């Protein structure tokens, strides 16, 4: 198997992207509710008679409500 330069491997690309990456906000309990909302609502985007247009708005609404409650 041929070895690749670190910059060309998947791990190398991952490490190169880290400085510009965004992670979940540390210490924000609202992210738990946002994650729950995603799990509860994401299927509605592809469900029969679902509404893909409304799903991101519902998730954002739930996330804002959770953040306001902090």
PDB file of N, CA and C in Angstrom:
ATOM      1  N   UNK A   1       0.835  -1.167   0.000  1.00  0.00           N
ATOM      2  CA  UNK A   1       0.000   0.000   0.000  1.00  0.00           C
ATOM      3  C   UNK A   1       0.890   1.244   0.000  1.00  0.00           C
ATOM      4  N   UNK A   2       0.529   2.186  -0.815  1.00  0.00           N
ATOM      5  CA  UNK A   2       1.326   3.396  -0.944  1.00  0.00           C
ATOM      6  C   UNK A   2       0.950   4.398   0.154  1.00  0.00           C
ATOM      7  N   UNK A   3       1.969   4.992   0.793  1.00  0.00           N
ATOM      8  CA  UNK A   3       1.705   6.019   1.810  1.00  0.00           C
ATOM      9  C   UNK A   3       1.504   7.352   1.110  1.00  0.00           C
ATOM     10  N   UNK A   4       0.600   8.142   1.688  1.00  0.00           N
ATOM     11  CA  UNK A   4       0.351   9.442   1.103  1.00  0.00           C
ATOM     12  C   UNK A   4       0.900  10.533   2.019  1.00  0.00           C
ATOM     13  N   UNK A   5       1.157  11.667   1.469  1.00  0.00           N
ATOM     14  CA  UNK A   5       1.558  12.827   2.248  1.00  0.00           C
ATOM     15  C   UNK A   5       0.402  13.204   3.170  1.00  0.00           C
ATOM     16  N   UNK A   6       0.705  13.621   4.396  1.00  0.00           N
ATOM     17  CA  UNK A   6      -0.314  13.939   5.385  1.00  0.00           C
ATOM     18  C   UNK A   6      -1.364  14.894   4.823  1.00  0.00           C
ATOM     19  N   UNK A   7      -0.957  15.834   4.021  1.00  0.00           N
ATOM     20  CA  UNK A   7      -1.888  16.817   3.470  1.00  0.00           C
ATOM     21  C   UNK A   7      -2.883  16.231   2.484  1.00  0.00           C
ATOM     22  N   UNK A   8      -2.639  15.045   1.962  1.00  0.00           N
ATOM     23  CA  UNK A   8      -3.530  14.463   0.972  1.00  0.00           C
ATOM     24  C   UNK A   8      -4.452  13.392   1.549  1.00  0.00           C
ATOM     25  N   UNK A   9      -4.210  12.984   2.779  1.00  0.00           N
ATOM     26  CA  UNK A   9      -5.045  11.953   3.385  1.00  0.00           C
ATOM     27  C   UNK A   9      -6.297  12.581   3.980  1.00  0.00           C
ATOM     28  N   UNK A  10      -7.270  11.751   4.287  1.00  0.00           N
ATOM     29  CA  UNK A  10      -8.486  12.235   4.941  1.00  0.00           C
ATOM     30  C   UNK A  10      -8.143  12.868   6.282  1.00  0.00           C
ATOM     31  N   UNK A  11      -7.234  12.246   7.023  1.00  0.00           N
ATOM     32  CA  UNK A  11      -6.830  12.797   8.320  1.00  0.00           C
ATOM     33  C   UNK A  11      -6.145  14.148   8.142  1.00  0.00           C
ATOM     34  N   UNK A  12      -5.331  14.256   7.127  1.00  0.00           N
ATOM     35  CA  UNK A  12      -4.647  15.522   6.864  1.00  0.00           C
ATOM     36  C   UNK A  12      -5.621  16.629   6.501  1.00  0.00           C
ATOM     37  N   UNK A  13      -6.611  16.302   5.696  1.00  0.00           N
ATOM     38  CA  UNK A  13      -7.635  17.288   5.333  1.00  0.00           C
ATOM     39  C   UNK A  13      -8.432  17.706   6.559  1.00  0.00           C
ATOM     40  N   UNK A  14      -8.748  16.733   7.414  1.00  0.00           N
ATOM     41  CA  UNK A  14      -9.477  17.021   8.644  1.00  0.00           C
ATOM     42  C   UNK A  14      -8.672  17.974   9.522  1.00  0.00           C
ATOM     43  N   UNK A  15      -7.407  17.658   9.729  1.00  0.00           N
ATOM     44  CA  UNK A  15      -6.562  18.501  10.565  1.00  0.00           C
ATOM     45  C   UNK A  15      -6.383  19.895   9.979  1.00  0.00           C
ATOM     46  N   UNK A  16      -6.297  19.991   8.670  1.00  0.00           N
ATOM     47  CA  UNK A  16      -6.150  21.290   8.028  1.00  0.00           C
ATOM     48  C   UNK A  16      -7.411  22.139   8.180  1.00  0.00           C
ATOM     49  N   UNK A  17      -8.570  21.494   8.267  1.00  0.00           N
ATOM     50  CA  UNK A  17      -9.833  22.222   8.388  1.00  0.00           C
ATOM     51  C   UNK A  17     -10.126  22.676   9.816  1.00  0.00           C
ATOM     52  N   UNK A  18      -9.479  22.087  10.803  1.00  0.00           N
ATOM     53  CA  UNK A  18      -9.769  22.413  12.211  1.00  0.00           C
ATOM     54  C   UNK A  18      -9.676  23.896  12.563  1.00  0.00           C
ATOM     55  N   UNK A  19      -8.673  24.623  12.107  1.00  0.00           N
ATOM     56  CA  UNK A  19      -8.590  26.033  12.508  1.00  0.00           C
ATOM     57  C   UNK A  19      -9.814  26.860  12.090  1.00  0.00           C
ATOM     58  N   UNK A  20     -10.494  26.468  11.040  1.00  0.00           N
ATOM     59  CA  UNK A  20     -11.653  27.221  10.556  1.00  0.00           C
ATOM     60  C   UNK A  20     -12.982  26.561  10.914  1.00  0.00           C
ATOM     61  N   UNK A  21     -12.940  25.508  11.704  1.00  0.00           N
ATOM     62  CA  UNK A  21     -14.164  24.781  12.013  1.00  0.00           C
ATOM     63  C   UNK A  21     -14.966  25.476  13.108  1.00  0.00           C
ATOM     64  N   UNK A  22     -16.249  25.141  13.162  1.00  0.00           N
ATOM     65  CA  UNK A  22     -17.133  25.635  14.209  1.00  0.00           C
ATOM     66  C   UNK A  22     -17.671  24.438  14.960  1.00  0.00           C
ATOM     67  N   UNK A  23     -17.656  24.523  16.275  1.00  0.00           N
ATOM     68  CA  UNK A  23     -18.146  23.438  17.108  1.00  0.00           C
ATOM     69  C   UNK A  23     -19.367  23.912  17.886  1.00  0.00           C
ATOM     70  N   UNK A  24     -20.074  22.950  18.476  1.00  0.00           N
ATOM     71  CA  UNK A  24     -21.188  23.311  19.336  1.00  0.00           C
ATOM     72  C   UNK A  24     -20.674  24.228  20.431  1.00  0.00           C
ATOM     73  N   UNK A  25     -21.445  25.233  20.782  1.00  0.00           N
ATOM     74  CA  UNK A  25     -21.007  26.136  21.856  1.00  0.00           C
ATOM     75  C   UNK A  25     -20.857  25.387  23.178  1.00  0.00           C
ATOM     76  N   UNK A  26     -19.709  25.476  23.759  1.00  0.00           N
ATOM     77  CA  UNK A  26     -19.428  24.821  25.026  1.00  0.00           C
ATOM     78  C   UNK A  26     -20.201  25.535  26.131  1.00  0.00           C
ATOM     79  N   UNK A  27     -20.876  24.755  26.966  1.00  0.00           N
ATOM     80  CA  UNK A  27     -21.581  25.318  28.105  1.00  0.00           C
ATOM     81  C   UNK A  27     -22.966  25.854  27.803  1.00  0.00           C
ATOM     82  N   UNK A  28     -23.426  25.739  26.587  1.00  0.00           N
ATOM     83  CA  UNK A  28     -24.765  26.210  26.246  1.00  0.00           C
ATOM     84  C   UNK A  28     -25.727  25.032  26.300  1.00  0.00           C
ATOM     85  N   UNK A  29     -26.573  25.024  27.286  1.00  0.00           N
ATOM     86  CA  UNK A  29     -27.531  23.925  27.422  1.00  0.00           C
ATOM     87  C   UNK A  29     -28.607  23.961  26.356  1.00  0.00           C
ATOM     88  N   UNK A  30     -28.768  25.086  25.679  1.00  0.00           N
ATOM     89  CA  UNK A  30     -29.775  25.187  24.621  1.00  0.00           C
ATOM     90  C   UNK A  30     -29.482  24.243  23.462  1.00  0.00           C
ATOM     91  N   UNK A  31     -28.224  23.840  23.285  1.00  0.00           N
ATOM     92  CA  UNK A  31     -27.887  22.949  22.182  1.00  0.00           C
ATOM     93  C   UNK A  31     -28.496  21.567  22.359  1.00  0.00           C
ATOM     94  N   UNK A  32     -28.733  21.159  23.586  1.00  0.00           N
ATOM     95  CA  UNK A  32     -29.392  19.864  23.805  1.00  0.00           C
ATOM     96  C   UNK A  32     -30.805  19.911  23.239  1.00  0.00           C
ATOM     97  N   UNK A  33     -31.517  20.998  23.480  1.00  0.00           N
ATOM     98  CA  UNK A  33     -32.882  21.134  22.956  1.00  0.00           C
ATOM     99  C   UNK A  33     -32.869  21.275  21.440  1.00  0.00           C
ATOM    100  N   UNK A  34     -31.893  21.982  20.904  1.00  0.00           N
ATOM    101  CA  UNK A  34     -31.786  22.117  19.452  1.00  0.00           C
ATOM    102  C   UNK A  34     -31.570  20.747  18.812  1.00  0.00           C
ATOM    103  N   UNK A  35     -30.719  19.924  19.421  1.00  0.00           N
ATOM    104  CA  UNK A  35     -30.483  18.564  18.915  1.00  0.00           C
ATOM    105  C   UNK A  35     -31.740  17.712  18.973  1.00  0.00           C
ATOM    106  N   UNK A  36     -32.499  17.857  20.055  1.00  0.00           N
ATOM    107  CA  UNK A  36     -33.765  17.124  20.170  1.00  0.00           C
ATOM    108  C   UNK A  36     -34.725  17.553  19.072  1.00  0.00           C
ATOM    109  N   UNK A  37     -34.806  18.844  18.826  1.00  0.00           N
ATOM    110  CA  UNK A  37     -35.702  19.359  17.794  1.00  0.00           C
ATOM    111  C   UNK A  37     -35.330  18.828  16.414  1.00  0.00           C
ATOM    112  N   UNK A  38     -34.033  18.767  16.147  1.00  0.00           N
ATOM    113  CA  UNK A  38     -33.594  18.221  14.860  1.00  0.00           C
ATOM    114  C   UNK A  38     -34.062  16.779  14.723  1.00  0.00           C
ATOM    115  N   UNK A  39     -33.838  15.978  15.765  1.00  0.00           N
ATOM    116  CA  UNK A  39     -34.245  14.566  15.730  1.00  0.00           C
ATOM    117  C   UNK A  39     -35.755  14.413  15.587  1.00  0.00           C
ATOM    118  N   UNK A  40     -36.513  15.283  16.251  1.00  0.00           N
ATOM    119  CA  UNK A  40     -37.970  15.197  16.210  1.00  0.00           C
ATOM    120  C   UNK A  40     -38.555  15.656  14.877  1.00  0.00           C
ATOM    121  N   UNK A  41     -37.911  16.626  14.242  1.00  0.00           N
ATOM    122  CA  UNK A  41     -38.530  17.285  13.091  1.00  0.00           C
ATOM    123  C   UNK A  41     -37.923  16.978  11.733  1.00  0.00           C
ATOM    124  N   UNK A  42     -36.705  16.478  11.679  1.00  0.00           N
ATOM    125  CA  UNK A  42     -36.016  16.342  10.397  1.00  0.00           C
ATOM    126  C   UNK A  42     -36.745  15.400   9.440  1.00  0.00           C
ATOM    127  N   UNK A  43     -37.384  14.384   9.967  1.00  0.00           N
ATOM    128  CA  UNK A  43     -38.118  13.456   9.110  1.00  0.00           C
ATOM    129  C   UNK A  43     -39.295  14.094   8.404  1.00  0.00           C
ATOM    130  N   UNK A  44     -39.818  15.176   8.951  1.00  0.00           N
ATOM    131  CA  UNK A  44     -40.946  15.866   8.325  1.00  0.00           C
ATOM    132  C   UNK A  44     -40.571  16.497   6.989  1.00  0.00           C
ATOM    133  N   UNK A  45     -39.302  16.681   6.750  1.00  0.00           N
ATOM    134  CA  UNK A  45     -38.864  17.268   5.483  1.00  0.00           C
ATOM    135  C   UNK A  45     -39.082  16.313   4.315  1.00  0.00           C
ATOM    136  N   UNK A  46     -39.075  15.015   4.584  1.00  0.00           N
ATOM    137  CA  UNK A  46     -39.219  14.034   3.510  1.00  0.00           C
ATOM    138  C   UNK A  46     -40.429  13.125   3.691  1.00  0.00           C
ATOM    139  N   UNK A  47     -41.197  13.354   4.728  1.00  0.00           N
ATOM    140  CA  UNK A  47     -42.372  12.519   4.984  1.00  0.00           C
ATOM    141  C   UNK A  47     -43.461  12.792   3.944  1.00  0.00           C
ATOM    142  N   UNK A  48     -44.284  11.781   3.662  1.00  0.00           N
ATOM    143  CA  UNK A  48     -45.434  12.042   2.786  1.00  0.00           C
ATOM    144  C   UNK A  48     -46.261  13.176   3.388  1.00  0.00           C
ATOM    145  N   UNK A  49     -46.636  14.112   2.569  1.00  0.00           N
ATOM    146  CA  UNK A  49     -47.374  15.300   2.998  1.00  0.00           C
ATOM    147  C   UNK A  49     -46.572  16.151   3.990  1.00  0.00           C
ATOM    148  N   UNK A  50     -45.271  15.954   4.019  1.00  0.00           N
ATOM    149  CA  UNK A  50     -44.402  16.749   4.887  1.00  0.00           C
ATOM    150  C   UNK A  50     -44.187  18.133   4.311  1.00  0.00           C
ATOM    151  N   UNK A  51     -43.531  18.962   5.055  1.00  0.00           N
ATOM    152  CA  UNK A  51     -43.290  20.334   4.630  1.00  0.00           C
ATOM    153  C   UNK A  51     -41.810  20.671   4.783  1.00  0.00           C
ATOM    154  N   UNK A  52     -41.005  20.392   3.749  1.00  0.00           N
ATOM    155  CA  UNK A  52     -39.578  20.654   3.860  1.00  0.00           C
ATOM    156  C   UNK A  52     -39.257  22.128   4.100  1.00  0.00           C
ATOM    157  N   UNK A  53     -40.128  23.011   3.652  1.00  0.00           N
ATOM    158  CA  UNK A  53     -39.871  24.436   3.841  1.00  0.00           C
ATOM    159  C   UNK A  53     -39.994  24.854   5.305  1.00  0.00           C
ATOM    160  N   UNK A  54     -40.844  24.179   6.062  1.00  0.00           N
ATOM    161  CA  UNK A  54     -41.093  24.614   7.436  1.00  0.00           C
ATOM    162  C   UNK A  54     -40.138  23.992   8.462  1.00  0.00           C
ATOM    163  N   UNK A  55     -39.455  22.928   8.092  1.00  0.00           N
ATOM    164  CA  UNK A  55     -38.610  22.217   9.064  1.00  0.00           C
ATOM    165  C   UNK A  55     -37.470  23.082   9.604  1.00  0.00           C
ATOM    166  N   UNK A  56     -36.675  23.747   8.772  1.00  0.00           N
ATOM    167  CA  UNK A  56     -35.599  24.578   9.339  1.00  0.00           C
ATOM    168  C   UNK A  56     -36.132  25.686  10.248  1.00  0.00           C
ATOM    169  N   UNK A  57     -37.269  26.259   9.884  1.00  0.00           N
ATOM    170  CA  UNK A  57     -37.860  27.304  10.713  1.00  0.00           C
ATOM    171  C   UNK A  57     -38.301  26.790  12.067  1.00  0.00           C
ATOM    172  N   UNK A  58     -38.877  25.598  12.101  1.00  0.00           N
ATOM    173  CA  UNK A  58     -39.312  24.997  13.357  1.00  0.00           C
ATOM    174  C   UNK A  58     -38.102  24.703  14.245  1.00  0.00           C
ATOM    175  N   UNK A  59     -37.057  24.160  13.667  1.00  0.00           N
ATOM    176  CA  UNK A  59     -35.844  23.863  14.436  1.00  0.00           C
ATOM    177  C   UNK A  59     -35.239  25.163  14.976  1.00  0.00           C
ATOM    178  N   UNK A  60     -35.173  26.199  14.151  1.00  0.00           N
ATOM    179  CA  UNK A  60     -34.637  27.487  14.587  1.00  0.00           C
ATOM    180  C   UNK A  60     -35.489  28.098  15.696  1.00  0.00           C
ATOM    181  N   UNK A  61     -36.811  27.968  15.563  1.00  0.00           N
ATOM    182  CA  UNK A  61     -37.721  28.484  16.588  1.00  0.00           C
ATOM    183  C   UNK A  61     -37.466  27.782  17.927  1.00  0.00           C
ATOM    184  N   UNK A  62     -37.344  26.468  17.890  1.00  0.00           N
ATOM    185  CA  UNK A  62     -37.074  25.712  19.115  1.00  0.00           C
ATOM    186  C   UNK A  62     -35.724  26.096  19.713  1.00  0.00           C
ATOM    187  N   UNK A  63     -34.724  26.288  18.869  1.00  0.00           N
ATOM    188  CA  UNK A  63     -33.391  26.649  19.348  1.00  0.00           C
ATOM    189  C   UNK A  63     -33.408  28.040  19.979  1.00  0.00           C
ATOM    190  N   UNK A  64     -34.122  28.994  19.334  1.00  0.00           N
ATOM    191  CA  UNK A  64     -34.212  30.331  19.917  1.00  0.00           C
ATOM    192  C   UNK A  64     -34.924  30.304  21.267  1.00  0.00           C
ATOM    193  N   UNK A  65     -36.001  29.528  21.364  1.00  0.00           N
ATOM    194  CA  UNK A  65     -36.736  29.422  22.626  1.00  0.00           C
ATOM    195  C   UNK A  65     -35.849  28.834  23.721  1.00  0.00           C
ATOM    196  N   UNK A  66     -35.065  27.834  23.377  1.00  0.00           N
ATOM    197  CA  UNK A  66     -34.162  27.227  24.362  1.00  0.00           C
ATOM    198  C   UNK A  66     -33.084  28.217  24.786  1.00  0.00           C
ATOM    199  N   UNK A  67     -32.565  28.974  23.833  1.00  0.00           N
ATOM    200  CA  UNK A  67     -31.531  29.954  24.164  1.00  0.00           C
ATOM    201  C   UNK A  67     -32.100  31.066  25.030  1.00  0.00           C
ATOM    202  N   UNK A  68     -33.312  31.507  24.737  1.00  0.00           N
ATOM    203  CA  UNK A  68     -33.942  32.555  25.532  1.00  0.00           C
ATOM    204  C   UNK A  68     -34.214  32.082  26.959  1.00  0.00           C
ATOM    205  N   UNK A  69     -34.417  30.783  27.129  1.00  0.00           N
ATOM    206  CA  UNK A  69     -34.709  30.230  28.451  1.00  0.00           C
ATOM    207  C   UNK A  69     -33.448  30.068  29.303  1.00  0.00           C
ATOM    208  N   UNK A  70     -32.276  30.170  28.695  1.00  0.00           N
ATOM    209  CA  UNK A  70     -31.017  29.985  29.450  1.00  0.00           C
ATOM    210  C   UNK A  70     -30.790  31.115  30.414  1.00  0.00           C
TER     211      UNK A  70
END
